[in-house]
PDB file of N, CA and C in Angstrom:
ATOM      1  N   MET A   1      87.067  78.079 119.274  1.00  0.00           N
ATOM      2  CA  MET A   1      87.114  77.331 117.686  1.00  0.00           C
ATOM      3  C   MET A   1      88.446  77.826 116.925  1.00  0.00           C
ATOM      4  N   ILE A   2      88.394  77.337 115.834  1.00  0.00           N
ATOM      5  CA  ILE A   2      89.486  77.740 115.394  1.00  0.00           C
ATOM      6  C   ILE A   2      89.035  77.260 113.256  1.00  0.00           C
ATOM      7  N   GLN A   3      88.433  76.528 113.588  1.00  0.00           N
ATOM      8  CA  GLN A   3      87.431  76.280 111.919  1.00  0.00           C
ATOM      9  C   GLN A   3      85.716  75.930 111.972  1.00  0.00           C
ATOM     10  N   GLU A   4      85.446  76.171 111.405  1.00  0.00           N
ATOM     11  CA  GLU A   4      83.455  75.597 111.849  1.00  0.00           C
ATOM     12  C   GLU A   4      83.272  74.841 110.368  1.00  0.00           C
ATOM     13  N   LYS A   5      82.907  74.017 110.441  1.00  0.00           N
ATOM     14  CA  LYS A   5      82.418  73.241 109.362  1.00  0.00           C
ATOM     15  C   LYS A   5      80.383  72.830 109.067  1.00  0.00           C
ATOM     16  N   THR A   6      80.554  73.016 108.082  1.00  0.00           N
ATOM     17  CA  THR A   6      78.319  73.114 107.831  1.00  0.00           C
ATOM     18  C   THR A   6      78.347  71.986 106.735  1.00  0.00           C
ATOM     19  N   ASP A   7      77.920  71.109 107.731  1.00  0.00           N
ATOM     20  CA  ASP A   7      77.237  70.008 106.620  1.00  0.00           C
ATOM     21  C   ASP A   7      75.390  70.234 106.024  1.00  0.00           C
ATOM     22  N   ASN A   8      76.064  69.779 104.764  1.00  0.00           N
ATOM     23  CA  ASN A   8      74.479  69.732 104.258  1.00  0.00           C
ATOM     24  C   ASN A   8      73.635  68.798 104.698  1.00  0.00           C
ATOM     25  N   PHE A   9      72.247  68.845 104.178  1.00  0.00           N
ATOM     26  CA  PHE A   9      71.438  67.835 104.770  1.00  0.00           C
ATOM     27  C   PHE A   9      72.376  66.344 104.485  1.00  0.00           C
ATOM     28  N   ASP A  10      72.306  66.146 103.437  1.00  0.00           N
ATOM     29  CA  ASP A  10      73.543  64.636 102.890  1.00  0.00           C
ATOM     30  C   ASP A  10      75.267  64.451 103.848  1.00  0.00           C
ATOM     31  N   GLY A  11      74.847  65.254 104.419  1.00  0.00           N
ATOM     32  CA  GLY A  11      76.528  65.171 105.647  1.00  0.00           C
ATOM     33  C   GLY A  11      77.471  65.270 105.177  1.00  0.00           C
ATOM     34  N   ASN A  12      77.465  65.837 103.746  1.00  0.00           N
ATOM     35  CA  ASN A  12      78.406  66.872 102.678  1.00  0.00           C
ATOM     36  C   ASN A  12      79.004  67.964 103.445  1.00  0.00           C
ATOM     37  N   ILE A  13      80.312  68.121 103.812  1.00  0.00           N
ATOM     38  CA  ILE A  13      80.312  69.326 104.122  1.00  0.00           C
ATOM     39  C   ILE A  13      80.507  69.971 102.706  1.00  0.00           C
ATOM     40  N   SER A  14      79.779  71.578 103.576  1.00  0.00           N
ATOM     41  CA  SER A  14      78.863  72.250 102.395  1.00  0.00           C
ATOM     42  C   SER A  14      79.833  73.564 102.265  1.00  0.00           C
ATOM     43  N   GLY A  15      80.496  73.903 103.757  1.00  0.00           N
ATOM     44  CA  GLY A  15      81.530  75.471 103.720  1.00  0.00           C
ATOM     45  C   GLY A  15      82.306  74.896 105.130  1.00  0.00           C
ATOM     46  N   VAL A  16      82.724  75.723 105.397  1.00  0.00           N
ATOM     47  CA  VAL A  16      84.527  75.575 106.064  1.00  0.00           C
ATOM     48  C   VAL A  16      85.025  77.378 106.383  1.00  0.00           C
ATOM     49  N   VAL A  17      85.284  77.378 107.651  1.00  0.00           N
ATOM     50  CA  VAL A  17      85.244  78.947 108.124  1.00  0.00           C
ATOM     51  C   VAL A  17      86.559  78.759 109.375  1.00  0.00           C
ATOM     52  N   ASP A  18      87.528  79.414 108.357  1.00  0.00           N
ATOM     53  CA  ASP A  18      88.696  79.280 109.106  1.00  0.00           C
ATOM     54  C   ASP A  18      88.655  81.019 110.054  1.00  0.00           C
ATOM     55  N   ILE A  19      89.164  80.652 111.471  1.00  0.00           N
ATOM     56  CA  ILE A  19      89.620  81.955 112.440  1.00  0.00           C
ATOM     57  C   ILE A  19      90.502  81.755 112.702  1.00  0.00           C
ATOM     58  N   ARG A  20      91.273  83.573 112.703  1.00  0.00           N
ATOM     59  CA  ARG A  20      92.310  83.504 113.225  1.00  0.00           C
ATOM     60  C   ARG A  20      91.741  84.718 114.221  1.00  0.00           C
ATOM     61  N   TYR A  21      92.575  84.085 115.160  1.00  0.00           N
ATOM     62  CA  TYR A  21      91.995  85.021 116.753  1.00  0.00           C
ATOM     63  C   TYR A  21      93.575  86.171 117.042  1.00  0.00           C
ATOM     64  N   ASP A  22      93.411  87.512 117.884  1.00  0.00           N
ATOM     65  CA  ASP A  22      94.591  88.142 118.786  1.00  0.00           C
ATOM     66  C   ASP A  22      94.767  87.191 119.527  1.00  0.00           C
ATOM     67  N   ASN A  23      95.662  87.911 120.442  1.00  0.00           N
ATOM     68  CA  ASN A  23      95.955  87.782 121.718  1.00  0.00           C
ATOM     69  C   ASN A  23      95.358  87.583 122.454  1.00  0.00           C
ATOM     70  N   SER A  24      94.405  88.797 122.709  1.00  0.00           N
ATOM     71  CA  SER A  24      92.878  88.819 123.728  1.00  0.00           C
ATOM     72  C   SER A  24      91.738  87.415 123.174  1.00  0.00           C
ATOM     73  N   ASN A  25      91.873  86.500 122.719  1.00  0.00           N
ATOM     74  CA  ASN A  25      90.784  85.607 121.692  1.00  0.00           C
ATOM     75  C   ASN A  25      89.740  86.364 121.191  1.00  0.00           C
ATOM     76  N   LYS A  26      90.201  87.178 120.432  1.00  0.00           N
ATOM     77  CA  LYS A  26      88.988  88.218 119.592  1.00  0.00           C
ATOM     78  C   LYS A  26      89.443  87.554 118.332  1.00  0.00           C
ATOM     79  N   PRO A  27      88.059  86.598 117.642  1.00  0.00           N
ATOM     80  CA  PRO A  27      88.187  86.705 116.142  1.00  0.00           C
ATOM     81  C   PRO A  27      88.970  88.815 115.740  1.00  0.00           C
ATOM     82  N   ILE A  28      89.879  88.317 114.604  1.00  0.00           N
ATOM     83  CA  ILE A  28      90.132  88.970 114.103  1.00  0.00           C
ATOM     84  C   ILE A  28      90.474  88.896 112.156  1.00  0.00           C
ATOM     85  N   GLU A  29      90.575  87.823 111.989  1.00  0.00           N
ATOM     86  CA  GLU A  29      90.137  87.378 110.705  1.00  0.00           C
ATOM     87  C   GLU A  29      88.719  85.648 110.512  1.00  0.00           C
ATOM     88  N   LEU A  30      88.303  86.069 109.513  1.00  0.00           N
ATOM     89  CA  LEU A  30      87.650  84.738 109.160  1.00  0.00           C
ATOM     90  C   LEU A  30      87.537  84.748 107.593  1.00  0.00           C
ATOM     91  N   ASN A  31      87.806  83.582 107.356  1.00  0.00           N
ATOM     92  CA  ASN A  31      87.742  83.032 105.402  1.00  0.00           C
ATOM     93  C   ASN A  31      86.862  82.149 105.615  1.00  0.00           C
ATOM     94  N   SER A  32      85.552  82.246 104.383  1.00  0.00           N
ATOM     95  CA  SER A  32      84.816  81.750 104.538  1.00  0.00           C
ATOM     96  C   SER A  32      85.059  80.769 102.806  1.00  0.00           C
ATOM     97  N   SER A  33      85.058  79.423 102.722  1.00  0.00           N
ATOM     98  CA  SER A  33      85.023  78.850 101.755  1.00  0.00           C
ATOM     99  C   SER A  33      83.443  78.660 101.319  1.00  0.00           C
ATOM    100  N   TYR A  34      82.710  78.916 101.614  1.00  0.00           N
ATOM    101  CA  TYR A  34      81.250  78.999 101.777  1.00  0.00           C
ATOM    102  C   TYR A  34      81.042  79.773 100.658  1.00  0.00           C
ATOM    103  N   PHE A  35      81.416  81.280 101.070  1.00  0.00           N
ATOM    104  CA  PHE A  35      80.674  82.345 100.701  1.00  0.00           C
ATOM    105  C   PHE A  35      81.806  83.381  99.634  1.00  0.00           C
ATOM    106  N   LYS A  36      83.329  82.546 100.293  1.00  0.00           N
ATOM    107  CA  LYS A  36      84.144  82.836  99.036  1.00  0.00           C
ATOM    108  C   LYS A  36      84.661  84.783  99.720  1.00  0.00           C
ATOM    109  N   GLU A  37      84.765  84.291 100.377  1.00  0.00           N
ATOM    110  CA  GLU A  37      84.769  86.102 101.083  1.00  0.00           C
ATOM    111  C   GLU A  37      85.665  85.757 102.731  1.00  0.00           C
ATOM    112  N   THR A  38      86.284  87.334 102.664  1.00  0.00           N
ATOM    113  CA  THR A  38      87.446  87.805 104.001  1.00  0.00           C
ATOM    114  C   THR A  38      86.869  88.600 104.200  1.00  0.00           C
ATOM    115  N   LYS A  39      86.754  88.291 106.566  1.00  0.00           N
ATOM    116  CA  LYS A  39      86.167  89.501 107.010  1.00  0.00           C
ATOM    117  C   LYS A  39      87.992  89.993 107.798  1.00  0.00           C
ATOM    118  N   ASN A  40      87.783  91.143 108.145  1.00  0.00           N
ATOM    119  CA  ASN A  40      88.865  91.240 108.870  1.00  0.00           C
ATOM    120  C   ASN A  40      88.595  92.347 110.046  1.00  0.00           C
ATOM    121  N   TYR A  41      89.289  92.347 111.610  1.00  0.00           N
ATOM    122  CA  TYR A  41      88.174  92.891 112.648  1.00  0.00           C
ATOM    123  C   TYR A  41      89.167  93.330 113.332  1.00  0.00           C
ATOM    124  N   LYS A  42      88.862  95.081 114.053  1.00  0.00           N
ATOM    125  CA  LYS A  42      89.877  96.120 114.536  1.00  0.00           C
ATOM    126  C   LYS A  42      88.609  96.195 115.596  1.00  0.00           C
ATOM    127  N   TYR A  43      89.556  95.755 116.939  1.00  0.00           N
ATOM    128  CA  TYR A  43      88.875  96.707 118.328  1.00  0.00           C
ATOM    129  C   TYR A  43      89.550  97.561 118.690  1.00  0.00           C
ATOM    130  N   ASN A  44      88.659  98.231 119.711  1.00  0.00           N
ATOM    131  CA  ASN A  44      89.242  99.778 120.318  1.00  0.00           C
ATOM    132  C   ASN A  44      89.434  99.433 121.610  1.00  0.00           C
ATOM    133  N   SER A  45      89.836 100.374 122.404  1.00  0.00           N
ATOM    134  CA  SER A  45      90.848  99.956 123.845  1.00  0.00           C
ATOM    135  C   SER A  45      89.712  99.461 124.633  1.00  0.00           C
ATOM    136  N   HIS A  46      88.749  99.899 124.619  1.00  0.00           N
ATOM    137  CA  HIS A  46      87.472  99.217 125.791  1.00  0.00           C
ATOM    138  C   HIS A  46      86.974  97.481 125.225  1.00  0.00           C
ATOM    139  N   GLY A  47      87.623  97.156 123.526  1.00  0.00           N
ATOM    140  CA  GLY A  47      87.684  95.899 123.645  1.00  0.00           C
ATOM    141  C   GLY A  47      86.167  95.740 122.308  1.00  0.00           C
ATOM    142  N   GLU A  48      85.361  96.596 122.094  1.00  0.00           N
ATOM    143  CA  GLU A  48      84.395  96.931 121.089  1.00  0.00           C
ATOM    144  C   GLU A  48      84.703  96.917 119.170  1.00  0.00           C
ATOM    145  N   ILE A  49      83.699  95.959 118.825  1.00  0.00           N
ATOM    146  CA  ILE A  49      84.516  96.425 117.358  1.00  0.00           C
ATOM    147  C   ILE A  49      84.733  98.419 116.733  1.00  0.00           C
ATOM    148  N   GLU A  50      85.831  98.443 116.198  1.00  0.00           N
ATOM    149  CA  GLU A  50      86.158  99.107 115.894  1.00  0.00           C
ATOM    150  C   GLU A  50      85.777  99.333 114.299  1.00  0.00           C
ATOM    151  N   GLU A  51      86.509  98.386 113.782  1.00  0.00           N
ATOM    152  CA  GLU A  51      86.230  98.480 112.042  1.00  0.00           C
ATOM    153  C   GLU A  51      85.802  96.905 111.554  1.00  0.00           C
ATOM    154  N   GLU A  52      85.420  96.531 110.495  1.00  0.00           N
ATOM    155  CA  GLU A  52      85.157  95.111 109.470  1.00  0.00           C
ATOM    156  C   GLU A  52      84.963  95.580 108.215  1.00  0.00           C
ATOM    157  N   LYS A  53      85.670  94.710 107.367  1.00  0.00           N
ATOM    158  CA  LYS A  53      86.107  95.141 106.299  1.00  0.00           C
ATOM    159  C   LYS A  53      86.185  93.349 105.271  1.00  0.00           C
ATOM    160  N   SER A  54      85.043  93.574 104.553  1.00  0.00           N
ATOM    161  CA  SER A  54      84.405  92.685 103.604  1.00  0.00           C
ATOM    162  C   SER A  54      85.446  92.326 102.561  1.00  0.00           C
ATOM    163  N   ARG A  55      85.480  91.356 102.078  1.00  0.00           N
ATOM    164  CA  ARG A  55      85.785  90.798 100.564  1.00  0.00           C
ATOM    165  C   ARG A  55      85.931  90.028  99.818  1.00  0.00           C
ATOM    166  N   SER A  56      84.959  89.827  99.057  1.00  0.00           N
ATOM    167  CA  SER A  56      84.549  88.053  98.475  1.00  0.00           C
ATOM    168  C   SER A  56      85.646  88.429  97.404  1.00  0.00           C
ATOM    169  N   GLU A  57      86.055  86.857  96.785  1.00  0.00           N
ATOM    170  CA  GLU A  57      85.844  86.281  95.887  1.00  0.00           C
ATOM    171  C   GLU A  57      85.533  87.127  94.789  1.00  0.00           C
ATOM    172  N   GLU A  58      83.656  86.621  94.177  1.00  0.00           N
ATOM    173  CA  GLU A  58      83.132  86.493  93.455  1.00  0.00           C
ATOM    174  C   GLU A  58      82.434  87.916  93.061  1.00  0.00           C
ATOM    175  N   SER A  59      82.783  88.934  94.083  1.00  0.00           N
ATOM    176  CA  SER A  59      82.908  89.866  93.808  1.00  0.00           C
ATOM    177  C   SER A  59      83.306  91.485  93.719  1.00  0.00           C
ATOM    178  N   PRO A  60      84.141  92.454  93.653  1.00  0.00           N
ATOM    179  CA  PRO A  60      84.913  93.696  93.640  1.00  0.00           C
ATOM    180  C   PRO A  60      84.622  94.441  94.556  1.00  0.00           C
ATOM    181  N   THR A  61      83.092  94.496  94.903  1.00  0.00           N
ATOM    182  CA  THR A  61      82.989  95.589  95.808  1.00  0.00           C
ATOM    183  C   THR A  61      83.783  94.815  97.557  1.00  0.00           C
ATOM    184  N   ILE A  62      84.294  96.013  97.993  1.00  0.00           N
ATOM    185  CA  ILE A  62      84.860  95.970  99.215  1.00  0.00           C
ATOM    186  C   ILE A  62      84.246  96.397 100.140  1.00  0.00           C
ATOM    187  N   GLN A  63      83.269  95.928 101.753  1.00  0.00           N
ATOM    188  CA  GLN A  63      83.045  96.656 102.330  1.00  0.00           C
ATOM    189  C   GLN A  63      83.334  96.618 103.322  1.00  0.00           C
ATOM    190  N   SER A  64      83.680  98.037 104.349  1.00  0.00           N
ATOM    191  CA  SER A  64      83.902  98.546 105.266  1.00  0.00           C
ATOM    192  C   SER A  64      83.210  99.341 106.602  1.00  0.00           C
ATOM    193  N   SER A  65      83.388  99.116 107.889  1.00  0.00           N
ATOM    194  CA  SER A  65      82.085  99.171 108.910  1.00  0.00           C
ATOM    195  C   SER A  65      83.025  99.524 109.602  1.00  0.00           C
ATOM    196  N   THR A  66      82.679 101.254 110.025  1.00  0.00           N
ATOM    197  CA  THR A  66      83.166 101.943 110.977  1.00  0.00           C
ATOM    198  C   THR A  66      82.504 101.394 112.429  1.00  0.00           C
ATOM    199  N   TYR A  67      82.358 101.523 113.093  1.00  0.00           N
ATOM    200  CA  TYR A  67      82.025 101.673 114.695  1.00  0.00           C
ATOM    201  C   TYR A  67      82.177 102.297 115.470  1.00  0.00           C
ATOM    202  N   SER A  68      81.387 103.391 116.029  1.00  0.00           N
ATOM    203  CA  SER A  68      82.259 104.613 116.749  1.00  0.00           C
ATOM    204  C   SER A  68      80.859 104.566 118.364  1.00  0.00           C
ATOM    205  N   TYR A  69      81.181 105.531 119.264  1.00  0.00           N
ATOM    206  CA  TYR A  69      81.012 105.001 120.532  1.00  0.00           C
ATOM    207  C   TYR A  69      80.663 105.627 121.843  1.00  0.00           C
ATOM    208  N   ILE A  70      80.148 106.311 122.306  1.00  0.00           N
ATOM    209  CA  ILE A  70      79.785 106.586 123.197  1.00  0.00           C
ATOM    210  C   ILE A  70      79.900 105.900 124.803  1.00  0.00           C
ATOM    211  N   TYR A  71      80.536 106.468 125.628  1.00  0.00           N
ATOM    212  CA  TYR A  71      80.600 105.551 127.019  1.00  0.00           C
ATOM    213  C   TYR A  71      79.794 106.412 128.142  1.00  0.00           C
ATOM    214  N   ASP A  72      79.537 105.913 129.373  1.00  0.00           N
ATOM    215  CA  ASP A  72      79.401 106.617 130.253  1.00  0.00           C
ATOM    216  C   ASP A  72      80.224 106.502 131.278  1.00  0.00           C
ATOM    217  N   ASN A  73      79.460 107.097 132.636  1.00  0.00           N
ATOM    218  CA  ASN A  73      80.369 107.028 133.581  1.00  0.00           C
ATOM    219  C   ASN A  73      81.118 105.753 134.185  1.00  0.00           C
ATOM    220  N   TYR A  74      80.488 104.181 133.577  1.00  0.00           N
ATOM    221  CA  TYR A  74      81.224 103.234 134.112  1.00  0.00           C
ATOM    222  C   TYR A  74      81.544 102.662 132.989  1.00  0.00           C
ATOM    223  N   GLU A  75      81.864 103.309 131.916  1.00  0.00           N
ATOM    224  CA  GLU A  75      82.931 102.295 130.952  1.00  0.00           C
ATOM    225  C   GLU A  75      81.816 101.374 129.854  1.00  0.00           C
ATOM    226  N   ASN A  76      80.223 101.625 129.777  1.00  0.00           N
ATOM    227  CA  ASN A  76      79.594 101.290 129.259  1.00  0.00           C
ATOM    228  C   ASN A  76      79.349 102.158 127.843  1.00  0.00           C
ATOM    229  N   TRP A  77      78.830 101.020 126.789  1.00  0.00           N
ATOM    230  CA  TRP A  77      78.267 102.114 125.280  1.00  0.00           C
ATOM    231  C   TRP A  77      77.337 102.661 125.690  1.00  0.00           C
ATOM    232  N   VAL A  78      77.039 103.587 125.665  1.00  0.00           N
ATOM    233  CA  VAL A  78      75.409 103.883 125.749  1.00  0.00           C
ATOM    234  C   VAL A  78      74.861 104.425 124.558  1.00  0.00           C
ATOM    235  N   GLU A  79      75.662 104.456 123.587  1.00  0.00           N
ATOM    236  CA  GLU A  79      75.590 104.975 121.797  1.00  0.00           C
ATOM    237  C   GLU A  79      76.459 104.223 120.572  1.00  0.00           C
ATOM    238  N   GLN A  80      75.896 103.886 119.781  1.00  0.00           N
ATOM    239  CA  GLN A  80      77.095 102.770 119.064  1.00  0.00           C
ATOM    240  C   GLN A  80      76.554 103.799 117.205  1.00  0.00           C
ATOM    241  N   LYS A  81      77.249 103.707 116.793  1.00  0.00           N
ATOM    242  CA  LYS A  81      76.739 104.167 115.348  1.00  0.00           C
ATOM    243  C   LYS A  81      77.860 103.536 114.366  1.00  0.00           C
ATOM    244  N   LEU A  82      77.211 103.117 113.767  1.00  0.00           N
ATOM    245  CA  LEU A  82      77.642 102.289 112.628  1.00  0.00           C
ATOM    246  C   LEU A  82      77.447 102.677 111.659  1.00  0.00           C
ATOM    247  N   VAL A  83      78.873 102.861 110.301  1.00  0.00           N
ATOM    248  CA  VAL A  83      78.808 103.912 109.196  1.00  0.00           C
ATOM    249  C   VAL A  83      79.215 102.639 108.519  1.00  0.00           C
ATOM    250  N   ILE A  84      78.375 102.403 107.509  1.00  0.00           N
ATOM    251  CA  ILE A  84      78.930 101.284 106.125  1.00  0.00           C
ATOM    252  C   ILE A  84      79.659 101.686 105.077  1.00  0.00           C
ATOM    253  N   LYS A  85      80.114 101.724 104.213  1.00  0.00           N
ATOM    254  CA  LYS A  85      81.112 102.328 103.197  1.00  0.00           C
ATOM    255  C   LYS A  85      81.338 101.100 102.149  1.00  0.00           C
ATOM    256  N   ARG A  86      81.221 101.121 101.131  1.00  0.00           N
ATOM    257  CA  ARG A  86      80.790  99.675  99.594  1.00  0.00           C
ATOM    258  C   ARG A  86      82.391 100.653  98.734  1.00  0.00           C
ATOM    259  N   ASN A  87      83.294 100.457  98.299  1.00  0.00           N
ATOM    260  CA  ASN A  87      83.713 100.196  97.624  1.00  0.00           C
ATOM    261  C   ASN A  87      83.839  98.747  95.525  1.00  0.00           C
ATOM    262  N   PRO A  88      83.043  99.174  94.999  1.00  0.00           N
ATOM    263  CA  PRO A  88      82.885 101.184  94.202  1.00  0.00           C
ATOM    264  C   PRO A  88      81.232 100.993  95.199  1.00  0.00           C
ATOM    265  N   LYS A  89      80.837 102.327  95.581  1.00  0.00           N
ATOM    266  CA  LYS A  89      79.746 102.884  96.426  1.00  0.00           C
ATOM    267  C   LYS A  89      78.536 101.999  95.535  1.00  0.00           C
ATOM    268  N   ASP A  90      77.732 101.629  96.249  1.00  0.00           N
ATOM    269  CA  ASP A  90      76.073 101.487  96.039  1.00  0.00           C
ATOM    270  C   ASP A  90      75.557 101.220  96.675  1.00  0.00           C
ATOM    271  N   GLU A  91      73.799 100.722  96.769  1.00  0.00           N
ATOM    272  CA  GLU A  91      73.166 101.037  97.393  1.00  0.00           C
ATOM    273  C   GLU A  91      73.149 100.460  98.653  1.00  0.00           C
ATOM    274  N   PHE A  92      73.761 100.009  99.249  1.00  0.00           N
ATOM    275  CA  PHE A  92      73.463  99.238 100.725  1.00  0.00           C
ATOM    276  C   PHE A  92      74.733  99.742 101.445  1.00  0.00           C
ATOM    277  N   GLU A  93      75.207 101.280 101.155  1.00  0.00           N
ATOM    278  CA  GLU A  93      76.056 102.274 102.212  1.00  0.00           C
ATOM    279  C   GLU A  93      74.937 102.412 103.246  1.00  0.00           C
ATOM    280  N   GLY A  94      74.979 103.109 103.822  1.00  0.00           N
ATOM    281  CA  GLY A  94      74.546 103.869 104.744  1.00  0.00           C
ATOM    282  C   GLY A  94      74.909 103.862 106.334  1.00  0.00           C
ATOM    283  N   GLY A  95      73.744 103.908 107.465  1.00  0.00           N
ATOM    284  CA  GLY A  95      74.720 103.806 108.572  1.00  0.00           C
ATOM    285  C   GLY A  95      73.241 102.912 109.716  1.00  0.00           C
ATOM    286  N   ILE A  96      73.821 103.174 111.175  1.00  0.00           N
ATOM    287  CA  ILE A  96      72.603 102.940 112.141  1.00  0.00           C
ATOM    288  C   ILE A  96      73.266 103.524 113.125  1.00  0.00           C
ATOM    289  N   LEU A  97      72.648 104.000 114.140  1.00  0.00           N
ATOM    290  CA  LEU A  97      72.860 104.824 115.437  1.00  0.00           C
ATOM    291  C   LEU A  97      71.751 104.167 116.248  1.00  0.00           C
ATOM    292  N   ILE A  98      72.253 103.494 116.864  1.00  0.00           N
ATOM    293  CA  ILE A  98      71.977 102.916 118.094  1.00  0.00           C
ATOM    294  C   ILE A  98      72.377 102.887 119.712  1.00  0.00           C
ATOM    295  N   LYS A  99      70.970 103.695 120.723  1.00  0.00           N
ATOM    296  CA  LYS A  99      71.173 104.216 121.671  1.00  0.00           C
ATOM    297  C   LYS A  99      70.706 103.140 122.680  1.00  0.00           C
ATOM    298  N   ARG A 100      71.229 103.013 123.864  1.00  0.00           N
ATOM    299  CA  ARG A 100      70.631 102.286 125.065  1.00  0.00           C
ATOM    300  C   ARG A 100      70.827 103.131 126.135  1.00  0.00           C
ATOM    301  N   LYS A 101      69.502 102.502 127.249  1.00  0.00           N
ATOM    302  CA  LYS A 101      69.705 103.660 128.518  1.00  0.00           C
ATOM    303  C   LYS A 101      69.810 102.283 129.677  1.00  0.00           C
ATOM    304  N   ILE A 102      71.432 102.323 130.295  1.00  0.00           N
ATOM    305  CA  ILE A 102      71.366 101.173 131.189  1.00  0.00           C
ATOM    306  C   ILE A 102      71.546 102.105 133.055  1.00  0.00           C
ATOM    307  N   GLU A 103      70.467 101.272 133.837  1.00  0.00           N
ATOM    308  CA  GLU A 103      69.883 102.048 134.676  1.00  0.00           C
ATOM    309  C   GLU A 103      70.813 100.354 135.449  1.00  0.00           C
ATOM    310  N   TYR A 104      71.687 101.761 136.134  1.00  0.00           N
ATOM    311  CA  TYR A 104      72.534 100.887 137.685  1.00  0.00           C
ATOM    312  C   TYR A 104      71.632 100.919 138.744  1.00  0.00           C
ATOM    313  N   TYR A 105      71.783 100.066 139.958  1.00  0.00           N
ATOM    314  CA  TYR A 105      71.420 100.101 140.506  1.00  0.00           C
ATOM    315  C   TYR A 105      73.049  99.434 142.483  1.00  0.00           C
ATOM    316  N   GLU A 106      72.020 100.452 143.357  1.00  0.00           N
ATOM    317  CA  GLU A 106      73.324 100.332 144.525  1.00  0.00           C
ATOM    318  C   GLU A 106      73.026  99.816 145.172  1.00  0.00           C
TER     319      GLU A 106
END
């Protein structure tokens, strides 16, 4: 998908999202006409999202989300840490830690 169009109940287009991909077919940039927002993505060597930056035409705030991972012996992540920073700083800054347990069967 290179472009996503959203219709309202009257059948008129209410928003368009243009998506740009890298050579691995991962989205690296999304431009939304509906939210007037641009998002950029970077990935780590495992193919997991490493960074997401959001900028909006309607707000001076730039949000940066940074992801870090801990992997098990099978190269699956078992811990994901997300840190959200905003410029200028506001109440939406913070972080999330997700841990998962994977059972393997032989």
